[in-house]
């Protein structure tokens, strides 16, 4: 019933920017903490960023701090991931996730709802 749909992925050169969007249906996202994870080829899915229900605080993986920004608009049922200064190692499928938990969890087992993923490819 709760569905998440990501968009905004694509091919970008190193140093460029992309903005990913995640639109949630089935429930107002004010009831969920939201997060982004990513999975590179041949690797496990890892945490990228998370944001609490009210938008603060946010948490980021060390690998993306200072470059990525997570934000949300509960009225639009949308969460974004602004990605700047992209590096080839950022290449991955990016997934949006939602959790009814009260904390900004960094492990995927805490998230019950997932999007289909959107591919981000950063060329050198």
PDB file of N, CA and C in Angstrom:
ATOM      1  N   UNK A   1       0.822  -1.195   0.000  1.00  0.00           N
ATOM      2  CA  UNK A   1       0.000   0.000   0.000  1.00  0.00           C
ATOM      3  C   UNK A   1       0.862   1.253   0.000  1.00  0.00           C
ATOM      4  N   UNK A   2       1.919   1.234   0.794  1.00  0.00           N
ATOM      5  CA  UNK A   2       2.878   2.325   0.786  1.00  0.00           C
ATOM      6  C   UNK A   2       3.877   2.065  -0.332  1.00  0.00           C
ATOM      7  N   UNK A   3       3.994   3.010  -1.235  1.00  0.00           N
ATOM      8  CA  UNK A   3       4.877   2.866  -2.374  1.00  0.00           C
ATOM      9  C   UNK A   3       5.822   4.054  -2.469  1.00  0.00           C
ATOM     10  N   UNK A   4       7.047   3.765  -2.854  1.00  0.00           N
ATOM     11  CA  UNK A   4       8.072   4.777  -3.036  1.00  0.00           C
ATOM     12  C   UNK A   4       8.585   4.680  -4.465  1.00  0.00           C
ATOM     13  N   UNK A   5       8.702   5.811  -5.127  1.00  0.00           N
ATOM     14  CA  UNK A   5       9.182   5.851  -6.494  1.00  0.00           C
ATOM     15  C   UNK A   5      10.300   6.873  -6.601  1.00  0.00           C
ATOM     16  N   UNK A   6      11.494   6.396  -6.956  1.00  0.00           N
ATOM     17  CA  UNK A   6      12.639   7.273  -7.130  1.00  0.00           C
ATOM     18  C   UNK A   6      12.749   7.717  -8.579  1.00  0.00           C
ATOM     19  N   UNK A   7      13.357   8.868  -8.768  1.00  0.00           N
ATOM     20  CA  UNK A   7      13.656   9.359 -10.100  1.00  0.00           C
ATOM     21  C   UNK A   7      14.821  10.331 -10.005  1.00  0.00           C
ATOM     22  N   UNK A   8      15.370  10.691 -11.146  1.00  0.00           N
ATOM     23  CA  UNK A   8      16.421  11.685 -11.197  1.00  0.00           C
ATOM     24  C   UNK A   8      17.809  11.144 -11.449  1.00  0.00           C
ATOM     25  N   UNK A   9      17.953   9.836 -11.493  1.00  0.00           N
ATOM     26  CA  UNK A   9      19.252   9.266 -11.775  1.00  0.00           C
ATOM     27  C   UNK A   9      19.650   9.476 -13.219  1.00  0.00           C
ATOM     28  N   UNK A  10      20.910   9.215 -13.499  1.00  0.00           N
ATOM     29  CA  UNK A  10      21.404   9.375 -14.851  1.00  0.00           C
ATOM     30  C   UNK A  10      22.906   9.338 -14.899  1.00  0.00           C
ATOM     31  N   UNK A  11      23.440   9.766 -16.017  1.00  0.00           N
ATOM     32  CA  UNK A  11      24.875   9.802 -16.257  1.00  0.00           C
ATOM     33  C   UNK A  11      25.376  11.224 -16.096  1.00  0.00           C
ATOM     34  N   UNK A  12      26.429  11.375 -15.314  1.00  0.00           N
ATOM     35  CA  UNK A  12      26.993  12.691 -15.064  1.00  0.00           C
ATOM     36  C   UNK A  12      28.507  12.570 -14.967  1.00  0.00           C
ATOM     37  N   UNK A  13      29.202  13.618 -15.345  1.00  0.00           N
ATOM     38  CA  UNK A  13      30.652  13.637 -15.234  1.00  0.00           C
ATOM     39  C   UNK A  13      31.080  13.917 -13.806  1.00  0.00           C
ATOM     40  N   UNK A  14      32.257  13.438 -13.455  1.00  0.00           N
ATOM     41  CA  UNK A  14      32.808  13.715 -12.142  1.00  0.00           C
ATOM     42  C   UNK A  14      32.830  15.216 -11.886  1.00  0.00           C
ATOM     43  N   UNK A  15      32.428  15.589 -10.675  1.00  0.00           N
ATOM     44  CA  UNK A  15      32.321  16.985 -10.314  1.00  0.00           C
ATOM     45  C   UNK A  15      30.955  17.584 -10.554  1.00  0.00           C
ATOM     46  N   UNK A  16      30.114  16.872 -11.256  1.00  0.00           N
ATOM     47  CA  UNK A  16      28.784  17.352 -11.550  1.00  0.00           C
ATOM     48  C   UNK A  16      27.802  17.078 -10.431  1.00  0.00           C
ATOM     49  N   UNK A  17      26.537  17.373 -10.704  1.00  0.00           N
ATOM     50  CA  UNK A  17      25.489  17.255  -9.697  1.00  0.00           C
ATOM     51  C   UNK A  17      24.270  16.541 -10.255  1.00  0.00           C
ATOM     52  N   UNK A  18      23.563  15.877  -9.368  1.00  0.00           N
ATOM     53  CA  UNK A  18      22.267  15.288  -9.665  1.00  0.00           C
ATOM     54  C   UNK A  18      21.367  15.481  -8.458  1.00  0.00           C
ATOM     55  N   UNK A  19      20.085  15.534  -8.716  1.00  0.00           N
ATOM     56  CA  UNK A  19      19.096  15.626  -7.651  1.00  0.00           C
ATOM     57  C   UNK A  19      18.110  14.479  -7.802  1.00  0.00           C
ATOM     58  N   UNK A  20      18.126  13.577  -6.835  1.00  0.00           N
ATOM     59  CA  UNK A  20      17.214  12.455  -6.825  1.00  0.00           C
ATOM     60  C   UNK A  20      15.950  12.812  -6.065  1.00  0.00           C
ATOM     61  N   UNK A  21      14.824  12.298  -6.543  1.00  0.00           N
ATOM     62  CA  UNK A  21      13.542  12.514  -5.895  1.00  0.00           C
ATOM     63  C   UNK A  21      12.924  11.184  -5.514  1.00  0.00           C
ATOM     64  N   UNK A  22      12.197  11.184  -4.424  1.00  0.00           N
ATOM     65  CA  UNK A  22      11.460  10.010  -3.972  1.00  0.00           C
ATOM     66  C   UNK A  22      10.065  10.468  -3.590  1.00  0.00           C
ATOM     67  N   UNK A  23       9.081  10.011  -4.339  1.00  0.00           N
ATOM     68  CA  UNK A  23       7.690  10.359  -4.078  1.00  0.00           C
ATOM     69  C   UNK A  23       7.004   9.165  -3.431  1.00  0.00           C
ATOM     70  N   UNK A  24       6.350   9.414  -2.319  1.00  0.00           N
ATOM     71  CA  UNK A  24       5.717   8.356  -1.533  1.00  0.00           C
ATOM     72  C   UNK A  24       4.211   8.465  -1.658  1.00  0.00           C
ATOM     73  N   UNK A  25       3.557   7.340  -1.873  1.00  0.00           N
ATOM     74  CA  UNK A  25       2.104   7.274  -1.896  1.00  0.00           C
ATOM     75  C   UNK A  25       1.625   6.261  -0.867  1.00  0.00           C
ATOM     76  N   UNK A  26       0.388   6.395  -0.456  1.00  0.00           N
ATOM     77  CA  UNK A  26      -0.199   5.471   0.501  1.00  0.00           C
ATOM     78  C   UNK A  26      -0.264   6.003   1.918  1.00  0.00           C
ATOM     79  N   UNK A  27       0.618   6.923   2.243  1.00  0.00           N
ATOM     80  CA  UNK A  27       0.619   7.543   3.556  1.00  0.00           C
ATOM     81  C   UNK A  27       1.434   8.822   3.511  1.00  0.00           C
ATOM     82  N   UNK A  28       0.995   9.799   4.244  1.00  0.00           N
ATOM     83  CA  UNK A  28       1.762  11.032   4.373  1.00  0.00           C
ATOM     84  C   UNK A  28       3.105  10.721   5.011  1.00  0.00           C
ATOM     85  N   UNK A  29       4.160  11.225   4.406  1.00  0.00           N
ATOM     86  CA  UNK A  29       5.497  10.853   4.869  1.00  0.00           C
ATOM     87  C   UNK A  29       5.860  11.490   6.195  1.00  0.00           C
ATOM     88  N   UNK A  30       5.000  12.359   6.709  1.00  0.00           N
ATOM     89  CA  UNK A  30       5.258  12.908   8.034  1.00  0.00           C
ATOM     90  C   UNK A  30       5.329  11.821   9.092  1.00  0.00           C
ATOM     91  N   UNK A  31       4.765  10.657   8.808  1.00  0.00           N
ATOM     92  CA  UNK A  31       4.801   9.538   9.730  1.00  0.00           C
ATOM     93  C   UNK A  31       6.036   8.663   9.615  1.00  0.00           C
ATOM     94  N   UNK A  32       6.975   9.031   8.755  1.00  0.00           N
ATOM     95  CA  UNK A  32       8.139   8.194   8.489  1.00  0.00           C
ATOM     96  C   UNK A  32       9.427   8.977   8.537  1.00  0.00           C
ATOM     97  N   UNK A  33      10.437   8.339   9.103  1.00  0.00           N
ATOM     98  CA  UNK A  33      11.796   8.752   8.812  1.00  0.00           C
ATOM     99  C   UNK A  33      12.148   8.240   7.424  1.00  0.00           C
ATOM    100  N   UNK A  34      12.928   8.999   6.696  1.00  0.00           N
ATOM    101  CA  UNK A  34      13.274   8.645   5.328  1.00  0.00           C
ATOM    102  C   UNK A  34      14.783   8.517   5.194  1.00  0.00           C
ATOM    103  N   UNK A  35      15.193   7.712   4.229  1.00  0.00           N
ATOM    104  CA  UNK A  35      16.617   7.476   4.042  1.00  0.00           C
ATOM    105  C   UNK A  35      16.918   7.158   2.592  1.00  0.00           C
ATOM    106  N   UNK A  36      18.176   7.333   2.245  1.00  0.00           N
ATOM    107  CA  UNK A  36      18.722   6.885   0.976  1.00  0.00           C
ATOM    108  C   UNK A  36      19.831   5.878   1.229  1.00  0.00           C
ATOM    109  N   UNK A  37      19.803   4.793   0.488  1.00  0.00           N
ATOM    110  CA  UNK A  37      20.863   3.803   0.462  1.00  0.00           C
ATOM    111  C   UNK A  37      21.345   3.672  -0.972  1.00  0.00           C
ATOM    112  N   UNK A  38      22.493   3.035  -1.141  1.00  0.00           N
ATOM    113  CA  UNK A  38      22.977   2.787  -2.487  1.00  0.00           C
ATOM    114  C   UNK A  38      23.689   1.448  -2.546  1.00  0.00           C
ATOM    115  N   UNK A  39      23.717   0.886  -3.740  1.00  0.00           N
ATOM    116  CA  UNK A  39      24.365  -0.395  -3.950  1.00  0.00           C
ATOM    117  C   UNK A  39      25.174  -0.327  -5.234  1.00  0.00           C
ATOM    118  N   UNK A  40      26.479  -0.418  -5.092  1.00  0.00           N
ATOM    119  CA  UNK A  40      27.374  -0.436  -6.231  1.00  0.00           C
ATOM    120  C   UNK A  40      27.482  -1.854  -6.776  1.00  0.00           C
ATOM    121  N   UNK A  41      27.874  -2.007  -8.029  1.00  0.00           N
ATOM    122  CA  UNK A  41      28.001  -3.346  -8.610  1.00  0.00           C
ATOM    123  C   UNK A  41      28.929  -4.234  -7.797  1.00  0.00           C
ATOM    124  N   UNK A  42      28.455  -5.423  -7.463  1.00  0.00           N
ATOM    125  CA  UNK A  42      29.254  -6.381  -6.727  1.00  0.00           C
ATOM    126  C   UNK A  42      29.408  -6.105  -5.250  1.00  0.00           C
ATOM    127  N   UNK A  43      28.710  -5.095  -4.731  1.00  0.00           N
ATOM    128  CA  UNK A  43      28.830  -4.746  -3.330  1.00  0.00           C
ATOM    129  C   UNK A  43      27.468  -4.755  -2.650  1.00  0.00           C
ATOM    130  N   UNK A  44      27.494  -4.740  -1.332  1.00  0.00           N
ATOM    131  CA  UNK A  44      26.252  -4.734  -0.572  1.00  0.00           C
ATOM    132  C   UNK A  44      25.639  -3.339  -0.549  1.00  0.00           C
ATOM    133  N   UNK A  45      24.366  -3.296  -0.216  1.00  0.00           N
ATOM    134  CA  UNK A  45      23.686  -2.018  -0.097  1.00  0.00           C
ATOM    135  C   UNK A  45      24.142  -1.317   1.180  1.00  0.00           C
ATOM    136  N   UNK A  46      24.466  -0.040   1.076  1.00  0.00           N
ATOM    137  CA  UNK A  46      25.000   0.703   2.204  1.00  0.00           C
ATOM    138  C   UNK A  46      24.226   1.993   2.416  1.00  0.00           C
ATOM    139  N   UNK A  47      24.312   2.492   3.613  1.00  0.00           N
ATOM    140  CA  UNK A  47      23.644   3.715   4.017  1.00  0.00           C
ATOM    141  C   UNK A  47      24.273   4.931   3.357  1.00  0.00           C
ATOM    142  N   UNK A  48      23.434   5.884   2.986  1.00  0.00           N
ATOM    143  CA  UNK A  48      23.902   7.141   2.427  1.00  0.00           C
ATOM    144  C   UNK A  48      23.478   8.324   3.297  1.00  0.00           C
ATOM    145  N   UNK A  49      22.181   8.461   3.539  1.00  0.00           N
ATOM    146  CA  UNK A  49      21.675   9.611   4.280  1.00  0.00           C
ATOM    147  C   UNK A  49      20.313   9.290   4.863  1.00  0.00           C
ATOM    148  N   UNK A  50      19.969   9.950   5.953  1.00  0.00           N
ATOM    149  CA  UNK A  50      18.658   9.779   6.564  1.00  0.00           C
ATOM    150  C   UNK A  50      18.194  11.093   7.167  1.00  0.00           C
ATOM    151  N   UNK A  51      16.882  11.246   7.246  1.00  0.00           N
ATOM    152  CA  UNK A  51      16.277  12.469   7.756  1.00  0.00           C
ATOM    153  C   UNK A  51      15.076  12.096   8.616  1.00  0.00           C
ATOM    154  N   UNK A  52      14.943  12.758   9.744  1.00  0.00           N
ATOM    155  CA  UNK A  52      13.852  12.472  10.655  1.00  0.00           C
ATOM    156  C   UNK A  52      12.539  13.031  10.140  1.00  0.00           C
ATOM    157  N   UNK A  53      11.474  12.656  10.816  1.00  0.00           N
ATOM    158  CA  UNK A  53      10.136  13.009  10.354  1.00  0.00           C
ATOM    159  C   UNK A  53       9.938  14.511  10.203  1.00  0.00           C
ATOM    160  N   UNK A  54      10.504  15.269  11.116  1.00  0.00           N
ATOM    161  CA  UNK A  54      10.344  16.716  11.078  1.00  0.00           C
ATOM    162  C   UNK A  54      11.458  17.420  10.317  1.00  0.00           C
ATOM    163  N   UNK A  55      12.353  16.655   9.724  1.00  0.00           N
ATOM    164  CA  UNK A  55      13.404  17.226   8.915  1.00  0.00           C
ATOM    165  C   UNK A  55      14.712  17.474   9.613  1.00  0.00           C
ATOM    166  N   UNK A  56      14.737  17.379  10.920  1.00  0.00           N
ATOM    167  CA  UNK A  56      15.972  17.552  11.658  1.00  0.00           C
ATOM    168  C   UNK A  56      16.045  16.498  12.755  1.00  0.00           C
ATOM    169  N   UNK A  57      17.218  16.000  13.068  1.00  0.00           N
ATOM    170  CA  UNK A  57      18.473  16.203  12.346  1.00  0.00           C
ATOM    171  C   UNK A  57      18.608  15.281  11.145  1.00  0.00           C
ATOM    172  N   UNK A  58      19.655  15.486  10.402  1.00  0.00           N
ATOM    173  CA  UNK A  58      20.009  14.608   9.306  1.00  0.00           C
ATOM    174  C   UNK A  58      21.322  13.913   9.622  1.00  0.00           C
ATOM    175  N   UNK A  59      21.536  12.773   9.005  1.00  0.00           N
ATOM    176  CA  UNK A  59      22.773  12.029   9.169  1.00  0.00           C
ATOM    177  C   UNK A  59      23.258  11.544   7.813  1.00  0.00           C
ATOM    178  N   UNK A  60      24.574  11.494   7.664  1.00  0.00           N
ATOM    179  CA  UNK A  60      25.177  11.130   6.395  1.00  0.00           C
ATOM    180  C   UNK A  60      26.315  10.148   6.598  1.00  0.00           C
ATOM    181  N   UNK A  61      26.488   9.292   5.615  1.00  0.00           N
ATOM    182  CA  UNK A  61      27.682   8.467   5.589  1.00  0.00           C
ATOM    183  C   UNK A  61      28.907   9.353   5.420  1.00  0.00           C
ATOM    184  N   UNK A  62      30.018   8.930   6.008  1.00  0.00           N
ATOM    185  CA  UNK A  62      31.235   9.725   5.912  1.00  0.00           C
ATOM    186  C   UNK A  62      31.641   9.976   4.463  1.00  0.00           C
ATOM    187  N   UNK A  63      31.356   9.027   3.602  1.00  0.00           N
ATOM    188  CA  UNK A  63      31.779   9.136   2.216  1.00  0.00           C
ATOM    189  C   UNK A  63      31.074  10.243   1.441  1.00  0.00           C
ATOM    190  N   UNK A  64      29.943  10.735   1.961  1.00  0.00           N
ATOM    191  CA  UNK A  64      29.176  11.739   1.235  1.00  0.00           C
ATOM    192  C   UNK A  64      29.021  13.044   1.997  1.00  0.00           C
ATOM    193  N   UNK A  65      29.527  13.123   3.209  1.00  0.00           N
ATOM    194  CA  UNK A  65      29.398  14.342   3.996  1.00  0.00           C
ATOM    195  C   UNK A  65      30.025  15.524   3.271  1.00  0.00           C
ATOM    196  N   UNK A  66      29.306  16.626   3.287  1.00  0.00           N
ATOM    197  CA  UNK A  66      29.772  17.825   2.623  1.00  0.00           C
ATOM    198  C   UNK A  66      29.451  17.882   1.152  1.00  0.00           C
ATOM    199  N   UNK A  67      28.980  16.780   0.582  1.00  0.00           N
ATOM    200  CA  UNK A  67      28.651  16.733  -0.836  1.00  0.00           C
ATOM    201  C   UNK A  67      27.174  16.467  -1.103  1.00  0.00           C
ATOM    202  N   UNK A  68      26.555  15.644  -0.263  1.00  0.00           N
ATOM    203  CA  UNK A  68      25.152  15.273  -0.446  1.00  0.00           C
ATOM    204  C   UNK A  68      24.296  15.956   0.609  1.00  0.00           C
ATOM    205  N   UNK A  69      23.066  16.276   0.235  1.00  0.00           N
ATOM    206  CA  UNK A  69      22.110  16.866   1.161  1.00  0.00           C
ATOM    207  C   UNK A  69      20.760  16.183   1.004  1.00  0.00           C
ATOM    208  N   UNK A  70      20.221  15.683   2.105  1.00  0.00           N
ATOM    209  CA  UNK A  70      18.890  15.096   2.097  1.00  0.00           C
ATOM    210  C   UNK A  70      17.895  16.136   2.613  1.00  0.00           C
ATOM    211  N   UNK A  71      16.733  16.180   1.995  1.00  0.00           N
ATOM    212  CA  UNK A  71      15.701  17.116   2.413  1.00  0.00           C
ATOM    213  C   UNK A  71      14.334  16.494   2.170  1.00  0.00           C
ATOM    214  N   UNK A  72      13.306  17.101   2.740  1.00  0.00           N
ATOM    215  CA  UNK A  72      11.962  16.556   2.576  1.00  0.00           C
ATOM    216  C   UNK A  72      10.926  17.661   2.613  1.00  0.00           C
ATOM    217  N   UNK A  73       9.793  17.380   1.994  1.00  0.00           N
ATOM    218  CA  UNK A  73       8.622  18.235   2.050  1.00  0.00           C
ATOM    219  C   UNK A  73       7.448  17.326   2.341  1.00  0.00           C
ATOM    220  N   UNK A  74       6.994  17.333   3.570  1.00  0.00           N
ATOM    221  CA  UNK A  74       5.931  16.415   3.963  1.00  0.00           C
ATOM    222  C   UNK A  74       4.613  16.709   3.261  1.00  0.00           C
ATOM    223  N   UNK A  75       4.387  17.963   2.895  1.00  0.00           N
ATOM    224  CA  UNK A  75       3.164  18.306   2.184  1.00  0.00           C
ATOM    225  C   UNK A  75       3.143  17.720   0.780  1.00  0.00           C
ATOM    226  N   UNK A  76       4.320  17.555   0.193  1.00  0.00           N
ATOM    227  CA  UNK A  76       4.429  16.978  -1.145  1.00  0.00           C
ATOM    228  C   UNK A  76       4.733  15.488  -1.121  1.00  0.00           C
ATOM    229  N   UNK A  77       4.875  14.923   0.065  1.00  0.00           N
ATOM    230  CA  UNK A  77       5.215  13.508   0.214  1.00  0.00           C
ATOM    231  C   UNK A  77       6.472  13.157  -0.579  1.00  0.00           C
ATOM    232  N   UNK A  78       7.451  14.025  -0.488  1.00  0.00           N
ATOM    233  CA  UNK A  78       8.646  13.885  -1.306  1.00  0.00           C
ATOM    234  C   UNK A  78       9.902  14.088  -0.468  1.00  0.00           C
ATOM    235  N   UNK A  79      10.901  13.291  -0.760  1.00  0.00           N
ATOM    236  CA  UNK A  79      12.227  13.461  -0.188  1.00  0.00           C
ATOM    237  C   UNK A  79      13.221  13.550  -1.341  1.00  0.00           C
ATOM    238  N   UNK A  80      14.250  14.353  -1.179  1.00  0.00           N
ATOM    239  CA  UNK A  80      15.257  14.558  -2.217  1.00  0.00           C
ATOM    240  C   UNK A  80      16.637  14.208  -1.680  1.00  0.00           C
ATOM    241  N   UNK A  81      17.502  13.898  -2.608  1.00  0.00           N
ATOM    242  CA  UNK A  81      18.917  13.772  -2.317  1.00  0.00           C
ATOM    243  C   UNK A  81      19.666  14.613  -3.335  1.00  0.00           C
ATOM    244  N   UNK A  82      20.164  15.753  -2.898  1.00  0.00           N
ATOM    245  CA  UNK A  82      20.979  16.603  -3.745  1.00  0.00           C
ATOM    246  C   UNK A  82      22.415  16.120  -3.670  1.00  0.00           C
ATOM    247  N   UNK A  83      22.979  15.762  -4.803  1.00  0.00           N
ATOM    248  CA  UNK A  83      24.320  15.204  -4.863  1.00  0.00           C
ATOM    249  C   UNK A  83      25.207  16.142  -5.662  1.00  0.00           C
ATOM    250  N   UNK A  84      26.187  16.712  -4.998  1.00  0.00           N
ATOM    251  CA  UNK A  84      27.139  17.619  -5.618  1.00  0.00           C
ATOM    252  C   UNK A  84      28.529  17.017  -5.589  1.00  0.00           C
ATOM    253  N   UNK A  85      29.404  17.565  -6.411  1.00  0.00           N
ATOM    254  CA  UNK A  85      30.796  17.114  -6.472  1.00  0.00           C
ATOM    255  C   UNK A  85      30.874  15.604  -6.601  1.00  0.00           C
ATOM    256  N   UNK A  86      30.121  15.070  -7.520  1.00  0.00           N
ATOM    257  CA  UNK A  86      30.036  13.628  -7.667  1.00  0.00           C
ATOM    258  C   UNK A  86      31.363  13.026  -8.099  1.00  0.00           C
ATOM    259  N   UNK A  87      31.613  11.834  -7.597  1.00  0.00           N
ATOM    260  CA  UNK A  87      32.830  11.085  -7.875  1.00  0.00           C
ATOM    261  C   UNK A  87      32.471   9.761  -8.534  1.00  0.00           C
ATOM    262  N   UNK A  88      33.387   9.183  -9.290  1.00  0.00           N
ATOM    263  CA  UNK A  88      33.093   7.877  -9.890  1.00  0.00           C
ATOM    264  C   UNK A  88      32.675   6.823  -8.872  1.00  0.00           C
ATOM    265  N   UNK A  89      33.217   6.881  -7.667  1.00  0.00           N
ATOM    266  CA  UNK A  89      32.853   5.912  -6.648  1.00  0.00           C
ATOM    267  C   UNK A  89      31.433   6.085  -6.123  1.00  0.00           C
ATOM    268  N   UNK A  90      30.761   7.161  -6.524  1.00  0.00           N
ATOM    269  CA  UNK A  90      29.351   7.331  -6.191  1.00  0.00           C
ATOM    270  C   UNK A  90      28.441   6.531  -7.114  1.00  0.00           C
ATOM    271  N   UNK A  91      28.995   5.941  -8.143  1.00  0.00           N
ATOM    272  CA  UNK A  91      28.204   5.159  -9.083  1.00  0.00           C
ATOM    273  C   UNK A  91      27.532   3.997  -8.361  1.00  0.00           C
ATOM    274  N   UNK A  92      26.213   3.930  -8.464  1.00  0.00           N
ATOM    275  CA  UNK A  92      25.449   2.906  -7.762  1.00  0.00           C
ATOM    276  C   UNK A  92      23.982   3.054  -8.128  1.00  0.00           C
ATOM    277  N   UNK A  93      23.203   2.055  -7.741  1.00  0.00           N
ATOM    278  CA  UNK A  93      21.762   2.189  -7.737  1.00  0.00           C
ATOM    279  C   UNK A  93      21.370   2.795  -6.395  1.00  0.00           C
ATOM    280  N   UNK A  94      20.618   3.867  -6.431  1.00  0.00           N
ATOM    281  CA  UNK A  94      20.211   4.564  -5.231  1.00  0.00           C
ATOM    282  C   UNK A  94      18.773   4.225  -4.888  1.00  0.00           C
ATOM    283  N   UNK A  95      18.544   3.880  -3.623  1.00  0.00           N
ATOM    284  CA  UNK A  95      17.244   3.453  -3.153  1.00  0.00           C
ATOM    285  C   UNK A  95      16.722   4.396  -2.079  1.00  0.00           C
ATOM    286  N   UNK A  96      15.457   4.719  -2.172  1.00  0.00           N
ATOM    287  CA  UNK A  96      14.753   5.467  -1.149  1.00  0.00           C
ATOM    288  C   UNK A  96      14.066   4.482  -0.215  1.00  0.00           C
ATOM    289  N   UNK A  97      14.057   4.789   1.087  1.00  0.00           N
ATOM    290  CA  UNK A  97      13.459   3.906   2.065  1.00  0.00           C
ATOM    291  C   UNK A  97      12.724   4.702   3.127  1.00  0.00           C
ATOM    292  N   UNK A  98      11.706   4.074   3.719  1.00  0.00           N
ATOM    293  CA  UNK A  98      10.889   4.704   4.744  1.00  0.00           C
ATOM    294  C   UNK A  98      10.803   3.811   5.967  1.00  0.00           C
ATOM    295  N   UNK A  99      10.864   4.431   7.138  1.00  0.00           N
ATOM    296  CA  UNK A  99      10.766   3.712   8.398  1.00  0.00           C
ATOM    297  C   UNK A  99       9.812   4.434   9.336  1.00  0.00           C
ATOM    298  N   UNK A 100       8.984   3.666  10.023  1.00  0.00           N
ATOM    299  CA  UNK A 100       8.105   4.231  11.043  1.00  0.00           C
ATOM    300  C   UNK A 100       8.823   4.427  12.369  1.00  0.00           C
ATOM    301  N   UNK A 101      10.089   4.086  12.439  1.00  0.00           N
ATOM    302  CA  UNK A 101      10.858   4.249  13.649  1.00  0.00           C
ATOM    303  C   UNK A 101      11.101   5.702  13.988  1.00  0.00           C
ATOM    304  N   UNK A 102      11.505   5.917  15.219  1.00  0.00           N
ATOM    305  CA  UNK A 102      11.688   7.270  15.721  1.00  0.00           C
ATOM    306  C   UNK A 102      13.095   7.808  15.523  1.00  0.00           C
ATOM    307  N   UNK A 103      14.030   6.943  15.159  1.00  0.00           N
ATOM    308  CA  UNK A 103      15.418   7.339  15.015  1.00  0.00           C
ATOM    309  C   UNK A 103      15.814   7.372  13.545  1.00  0.00           C
ATOM    310  N   UNK A 104      16.941   7.996  13.281  1.00  0.00           N
ATOM    311  CA  UNK A 104      17.502   8.040  11.930  1.00  0.00           C
ATOM    312  C   UNK A 104      18.426   6.841  11.760  1.00  0.00           C
ATOM    313  N   UNK A 105      17.813   5.696  11.490  1.00  0.00           N
ATOM    314  CA  UNK A 105      18.561   4.451  11.406  1.00  0.00           C
ATOM    315  C   UNK A 105      19.464   4.424  10.182  1.00  0.00           C
ATOM    316  N   UNK A 106      20.595   3.761  10.332  1.00  0.00           N
ATOM    317  CA  UNK A 106      21.562   3.629   9.251  1.00  0.00           C
ATOM    318  C   UNK A 106      21.697   2.203   8.752  1.00  0.00           C
ATOM    319  N   UNK A 107      20.858   1.299   9.229  1.00  0.00           N
ATOM    320  CA  UNK A 107      20.856  -0.082   8.764  1.00  0.00           C
ATOM    321  C   UNK A 107      19.555  -0.374   8.044  1.00  0.00           C
ATOM    322  N   UNK A 108      19.648  -1.138   6.961  1.00  0.00           N
ATOM    323  CA  UNK A 108      18.487  -1.318   6.112  1.00  0.00           C
ATOM    324  C   UNK A 108      17.376  -2.140   6.745  1.00  0.00           C
ATOM    325  N   UNK A 109      17.688  -2.922   7.777  1.00  0.00           N
ATOM    326  CA  UNK A 109      16.659  -3.729   8.419  1.00  0.00           C
ATOM    327  C   UNK A 109      15.626  -2.884   9.131  1.00  0.00           C
ATOM    328  N   UNK A 110      15.924  -1.631   9.391  1.00  0.00           N
ATOM    329  CA  UNK A 110      15.008  -0.734  10.082  1.00  0.00           C
ATOM    330  C   UNK A 110      14.018  -0.061   9.135  1.00  0.00           C
ATOM    331  N   UNK A 111      14.151  -0.310   7.850  1.00  0.00           N
ATOM    332  CA  UNK A 111      13.289   0.321   6.860  1.00  0.00           C
ATOM    333  C   UNK A 111      12.372  -0.717   6.226  1.00  0.00           C
ATOM    334  N   UNK A 112      11.096  -0.461   6.292  1.00  0.00           N
ATOM    335  CA  UNK A 112      10.096  -1.417   5.841  1.00  0.00           C
ATOM    336  C   UNK A 112       9.678  -1.231   4.396  1.00  0.00           C
ATOM    337  N   UNK A 113       9.838  -0.032   3.861  1.00  0.00           N
ATOM    338  CA  UNK A 113       9.371   0.278   2.522  1.00  0.00           C
ATOM    339  C   UNK A 113      10.512   0.805   1.684  1.00  0.00           C
ATOM    340  N   UNK A 114      10.574   0.315   0.459  1.00  0.00           N
ATOM    341  CA  UNK A 114      11.678   0.629  -0.441  1.00  0.00           C
ATOM    342  C   UNK A 114      11.184   0.961  -1.825  1.00  0.00           C
ATOM    343  N   UNK A 115      11.881   1.866  -2.480  1.00  0.00           N
ATOM    344  CA  UNK A 115      11.625   2.137  -3.876  1.00  0.00           C
ATOM    345  C   UNK A 115      12.335   1.143  -4.766  1.00  0.00           C
ATOM    346  N   UNK A 116      12.142   1.301  -6.060  1.00  0.00           N
ATOM    347  CA  UNK A 116      12.717   0.380  -7.033  1.00  0.00           C
ATOM    348  C   UNK A 116      14.175   0.680  -7.353  1.00  0.00           C
ATOM    349  N   UNK A 117      14.640   1.840  -6.974  1.00  0.00           N
ATOM    350  CA  UNK A 117      16.005   2.241  -7.233  1.00  0.00           C
ATOM    351  C   UNK A 117      16.140   3.048  -8.505  1.00  0.00           C
ATOM    352  N   UNK A 118      17.133   3.914  -8.533  1.00  0.00           N
ATOM    353  CA  UNK A 118      17.446   4.693  -9.721  1.00  0.00           C
ATOM    354  C   UNK A 118      18.958   4.695  -9.910  1.00  0.00           C
ATOM    355  N   UNK A 119      19.388   4.486 -11.142  1.00  0.00           N
ATOM    356  CA  UNK A 119      20.807   4.332 -11.440  1.00  0.00           C
ATOM    357  C   UNK A 119      21.492   5.684 -11.536  1.00  0.00           C
ATOM    358  N   UNK A 120      22.605   5.808 -10.842  1.00  0.00           N
ATOM    359  CA  UNK A 120      23.476   6.972 -10.941  1.00  0.00           C
ATOM    360  C   UNK A 120      24.837   6.493 -11.424  1.00  0.00           C
ATOM    361  N   UNK A 121      25.293   7.050 -12.521  1.00  0.00           N
ATOM    362  CA  UNK A 121      26.587   6.693 -13.073  1.00  0.00           C
ATOM    363  C   UNK A 121      27.424   7.955 -13.213  1.00  0.00           C
ATOM    364  N   UNK A 122      28.598   7.948 -12.609  1.00  0.00           N
ATOM    365  CA  UNK A 122      29.499   9.092 -12.635  1.00  0.00           C
ATOM    366  C   UNK A 122      30.739   8.697 -13.421  1.00  0.00           C
ATOM    367  N   UNK A 123      30.985   9.386 -14.504  1.00  0.00           N
ATOM    368  CA  UNK A 123      32.135   9.106 -15.345  1.00  0.00           C
ATOM    369  C   UNK A 123      33.326   9.950 -14.914  1.00  0.00           C
ATOM    370  N   UNK A 124      34.517   9.411 -15.122  1.00  0.00           N
ATOM    371  CA  UNK A 124      35.729  10.108 -14.747  1.00  0.00           C
ATOM    372  C   UNK A 124      36.181  11.058 -15.839  1.00  0.00           C
TER     373      UNK A 124
END
